[in-house]
Amino acid sequence: MESSKNNVNKLLGDKTKIEKEIEQIQSDCSHKSKSLKQTQRDIRWHCDECKQVLGYASQTDLDEFFNRN
């Protein structure tokens, strides 16, 4: 039981470290190229390089997105 607890704690620590690294990469990115990505809930702009969410699609963006697909 203790081994599982230690393993979970290590994994959570690794997760936090990875999230901070991703945050730094996204902060340093210039977001030169973006594209619309559809999720289960909505369609948003994402950076093609760092995968950061950049914002929601406008109605015009949505019209173009659905006409293209």
N, C-alpha and C. Protein backbone atom coordinates (compact mmCIF):
# COMPACT_ATOMS: atom_id res chain seq x y z
N MET A 1 0.82 -1.19 0.00
CA MET A 1 0.00 0.00 0.00
C MET A 1 0.86 1.26 0.00
N GLU A 2 1.90 1.27 0.81
CA GLU A 2 2.80 2.42 0.89
C GLU A 2 3.50 2.66 -0.45
N SER A 3 3.81 1.58 -1.15
CA SER A 3 4.47 1.70 -2.45
C SER A 3 3.57 2.43 -3.45
N SER A 4 2.30 2.11 -3.44
CA SER A 4 1.35 2.78 -4.33
C SER A 4 1.27 4.27 -4.00
N LYS A 5 1.24 4.58 -2.71
CA LYS A 5 1.17 5.97 -2.28
C LYS A 5 2.40 6.74 -2.75
N ASN A 6 3.57 6.14 -2.58
CA ASN A 6 4.82 6.78 -3.02
C ASN A 6 4.83 6.96 -4.53
N ASN A 7 4.34 5.96 -5.24
CA ASN A 7 4.31 6.03 -6.70
C ASN A 7 3.38 7.15 -7.17
N VAL A 8 2.23 7.27 -6.53
CA VAL A 8 1.28 8.33 -6.87
C VAL A 8 1.88 9.69 -6.58
N ASN A 9 2.53 9.83 -5.43
CA ASN A 9 3.16 11.10 -5.08
C ASN A 9 4.24 11.47 -6.09
N LYS A 10 5.04 10.51 -6.52
CA LYS A 10 6.08 10.77 -7.51
C LYS A 10 5.44 11.20 -8.83
N LEU A 11 4.41 10.49 -9.26
CA LEU A 11 3.74 10.83 -10.52
C LEU A 11 3.12 12.22 -10.47
N LEU A 12 2.52 12.56 -9.34
CA LEU A 12 1.94 13.90 -9.20
C LEU A 12 3.02 14.98 -9.24
N GLY A 13 4.16 14.70 -8.65
CA GLY A 13 5.28 15.63 -8.72
C GLY A 13 5.78 15.80 -10.14
N ASP A 14 5.88 14.66 -10.86
CA ASP A 14 6.29 14.71 -12.27
C ASP A 14 5.29 15.51 -13.10
N LYS A 15 4.01 15.31 -12.82
CA LYS A 15 2.95 16.01 -13.55
C LYS A 15 3.09 17.52 -13.36
N THR A 16 3.32 17.94 -12.13
CA THR A 16 3.48 19.37 -11.83
C THR A 16 4.68 19.94 -12.58
N LYS A 17 5.79 19.20 -12.58
CA LYS A 17 7.00 19.65 -13.28
C LYS A 17 6.73 19.77 -14.78
N ILE A 18 6.07 18.80 -15.36
CA ILE A 18 5.76 18.82 -16.79
C ILE A 18 4.83 19.98 -17.12
N GLU A 19 3.82 20.21 -16.29
CA GLU A 19 2.89 21.32 -16.53
C GLU A 19 3.62 22.66 -16.51
N LYS A 20 4.58 22.82 -15.60
CA LYS A 20 5.36 24.06 -15.53
C LYS A 20 6.24 24.22 -16.78
N GLU A 21 6.81 23.11 -17.26
CA GLU A 21 7.62 23.17 -18.49
C GLU A 21 6.77 23.57 -19.68
N ILE A 22 5.59 22.99 -19.78
CA ILE A 22 4.68 23.33 -20.88
C ILE A 22 4.29 24.80 -20.80
N GLU A 23 3.99 25.26 -19.60
CA GLU A 23 3.62 26.66 -19.40
C GLU A 23 4.74 27.59 -19.86
N GLN A 24 5.98 27.25 -19.55
CA GLN A 24 7.13 28.07 -19.96
C GLN A 24 7.29 28.07 -21.48
N ILE A 25 7.17 26.90 -22.10
CA ILE A 25 7.28 26.80 -23.56
C ILE A 25 6.19 27.64 -24.22
N GLN A 26 4.96 27.54 -23.72
CA GLN A 26 3.86 28.30 -24.29
C GLN A 26 4.03 29.80 -24.06
N SER A 27 4.61 30.17 -22.95
CA SER A 27 4.86 31.58 -22.66
C SER A 27 5.90 32.16 -23.60
N ASP A 28 6.90 31.37 -23.95
CA ASP A 28 7.98 31.82 -24.83
C ASP A 28 7.60 31.77 -26.32
N CYS A 29 6.55 31.05 -26.66
CA CYS A 29 6.17 30.86 -28.05
C CYS A 29 5.59 32.16 -28.64
N SER A 30 5.86 32.40 -29.91
CA SER A 30 5.34 33.61 -30.57
C SER A 30 3.99 33.35 -31.25
N HIS A 31 3.51 32.13 -31.27
CA HIS A 31 2.20 31.76 -31.82
C HIS A 31 2.03 32.28 -33.26
N LYS A 32 3.02 32.02 -34.10
CA LYS A 32 2.98 32.52 -35.47
C LYS A 32 1.94 31.81 -36.34
N SER A 33 1.65 30.57 -36.03
CA SER A 33 0.71 29.79 -36.83
C SER A 33 -0.38 29.23 -35.92
N LYS A 34 -1.63 29.45 -36.30
CA LYS A 34 -2.72 28.95 -35.47
C LYS A 34 -3.77 28.28 -36.35
N SER A 35 -4.54 27.42 -35.72
CA SER A 35 -5.62 26.75 -36.44
C SER A 35 -6.78 26.48 -35.48
N LEU A 36 -7.94 26.26 -36.07
CA LEU A 36 -9.12 25.96 -35.27
C LEU A 36 -9.15 24.48 -34.94
N LYS A 37 -9.47 24.17 -33.70
CA LYS A 37 -9.59 22.79 -33.25
C LYS A 37 -10.94 22.64 -32.57
N GLN A 38 -11.61 21.56 -32.90
CA GLN A 38 -12.92 21.30 -32.31
C GLN A 38 -12.74 20.34 -31.13
N THR A 39 -13.35 20.71 -30.00
CA THR A 39 -13.37 19.85 -28.83
C THR A 39 -14.80 19.35 -28.63
N GLN A 40 -15.05 18.67 -27.54
CA GLN A 40 -16.41 18.19 -27.26
C GLN A 40 -17.37 19.34 -26.99
N ARG A 41 -16.83 20.47 -26.53
CA ARG A 41 -17.69 21.58 -26.12
C ARG A 41 -17.71 22.76 -27.08
N ASP A 42 -16.59 23.02 -27.78
CA ASP A 42 -16.53 24.23 -28.59
C ASP A 42 -15.41 24.13 -29.62
N ILE A 43 -15.24 25.23 -30.34
CA ILE A 43 -14.16 25.33 -31.32
C ILE A 43 -13.32 26.54 -30.93
N ARG A 44 -12.00 26.32 -30.80
CA ARG A 44 -11.10 27.37 -30.36
C ARG A 44 -9.87 27.43 -31.25
N TRP A 45 -9.24 28.60 -31.22
CA TRP A 45 -7.95 28.77 -31.89
C TRP A 45 -6.86 28.17 -31.01
N HIS A 46 -5.97 27.38 -31.61
CA HIS A 46 -4.82 26.80 -30.91
C HIS A 46 -3.56 27.12 -31.69
N CYS A 47 -2.47 27.35 -30.98
CA CYS A 47 -1.18 27.53 -31.62
C CYS A 47 -0.73 26.19 -32.19
N ASP A 48 -0.29 26.19 -33.44
CA ASP A 48 0.16 24.95 -34.08
C ASP A 48 1.47 24.44 -33.49
N GLU A 49 2.26 25.32 -32.92
CA GLU A 49 3.57 24.93 -32.39
C GLU A 49 3.49 24.45 -30.95
N CYS A 50 2.91 25.25 -30.05
CA CYS A 50 2.93 24.92 -28.62
C CYS A 50 1.60 24.37 -28.11
N LYS A 51 0.58 24.35 -28.95
CA LYS A 51 -0.74 23.81 -28.62
C LYS A 51 -1.53 24.61 -27.60
N GLN A 52 -1.10 25.84 -27.30
CA GLN A 52 -1.83 26.67 -26.34
C GLN A 52 -3.14 27.14 -26.95
N VAL A 53 -4.19 27.18 -26.12
CA VAL A 53 -5.47 27.74 -26.55
C VAL A 53 -5.30 29.25 -26.62
N LEU A 54 -5.67 29.82 -27.78
CA LEU A 54 -5.48 31.25 -28.00
C LEU A 54 -6.78 32.04 -27.91
N GLY A 55 -7.90 31.38 -28.07
CA GLY A 55 -9.17 32.09 -27.98
C GLY A 55 -10.29 31.34 -28.67
N TYR A 56 -11.48 31.87 -28.52
CA TYR A 56 -12.65 31.27 -29.13
C TYR A 56 -12.79 31.72 -30.58
N ALA A 57 -13.41 30.88 -31.37
CA ALA A 57 -13.67 31.22 -32.77
C ALA A 57 -14.84 32.19 -32.86
N SER A 58 -14.72 33.14 -33.79
CA SER A 58 -15.84 34.07 -34.04
C SER A 58 -16.88 33.37 -34.91
N GLN A 59 -18.00 34.00 -35.08
CA GLN A 59 -19.04 33.42 -35.95
C GLN A 59 -18.53 33.28 -37.38
N THR A 60 -17.77 34.26 -37.86
CA THR A 60 -17.18 34.18 -39.20
C THR A 60 -16.21 33.02 -39.29
N ASP A 61 -15.38 32.84 -38.26
CA ASP A 61 -14.45 31.71 -38.22
C ASP A 61 -15.21 30.39 -38.29
N LEU A 62 -16.30 30.29 -37.53
CA LEU A 62 -17.09 29.06 -37.51
C LEU A 62 -17.71 28.78 -38.88
N ASP A 63 -18.23 29.82 -39.51
CA ASP A 63 -18.82 29.65 -40.84
C ASP A 63 -17.78 29.12 -41.82
N GLU A 64 -16.60 29.70 -41.80
CA GLU A 64 -15.53 29.24 -42.69
C GLU A 64 -15.08 27.83 -42.33
N PHE A 65 -14.98 27.54 -41.06
CA PHE A 65 -14.54 26.23 -40.59
C PHE A 65 -15.48 25.14 -41.09
N PHE A 66 -16.79 25.35 -40.96
CA PHE A 66 -17.75 24.32 -41.35
C PHE A 66 -17.93 24.25 -42.87
N ASN A 67 -17.70 25.31 -43.57
CA ASN A 67 -17.78 25.27 -45.03
C ASN A 67 -16.60 24.57 -45.65
N ARG A 68 -15.45 24.61 -44.96
CA ARG A 68 -14.24 23.96 -45.45
C ARG A 68 -14.25 22.46 -45.20
N ASN A 69 -14.89 22.04 -44.12
CA ASN A 69 -14.87 20.62 -43.74
C ASN A 69 -16.02 19.85 -44.32
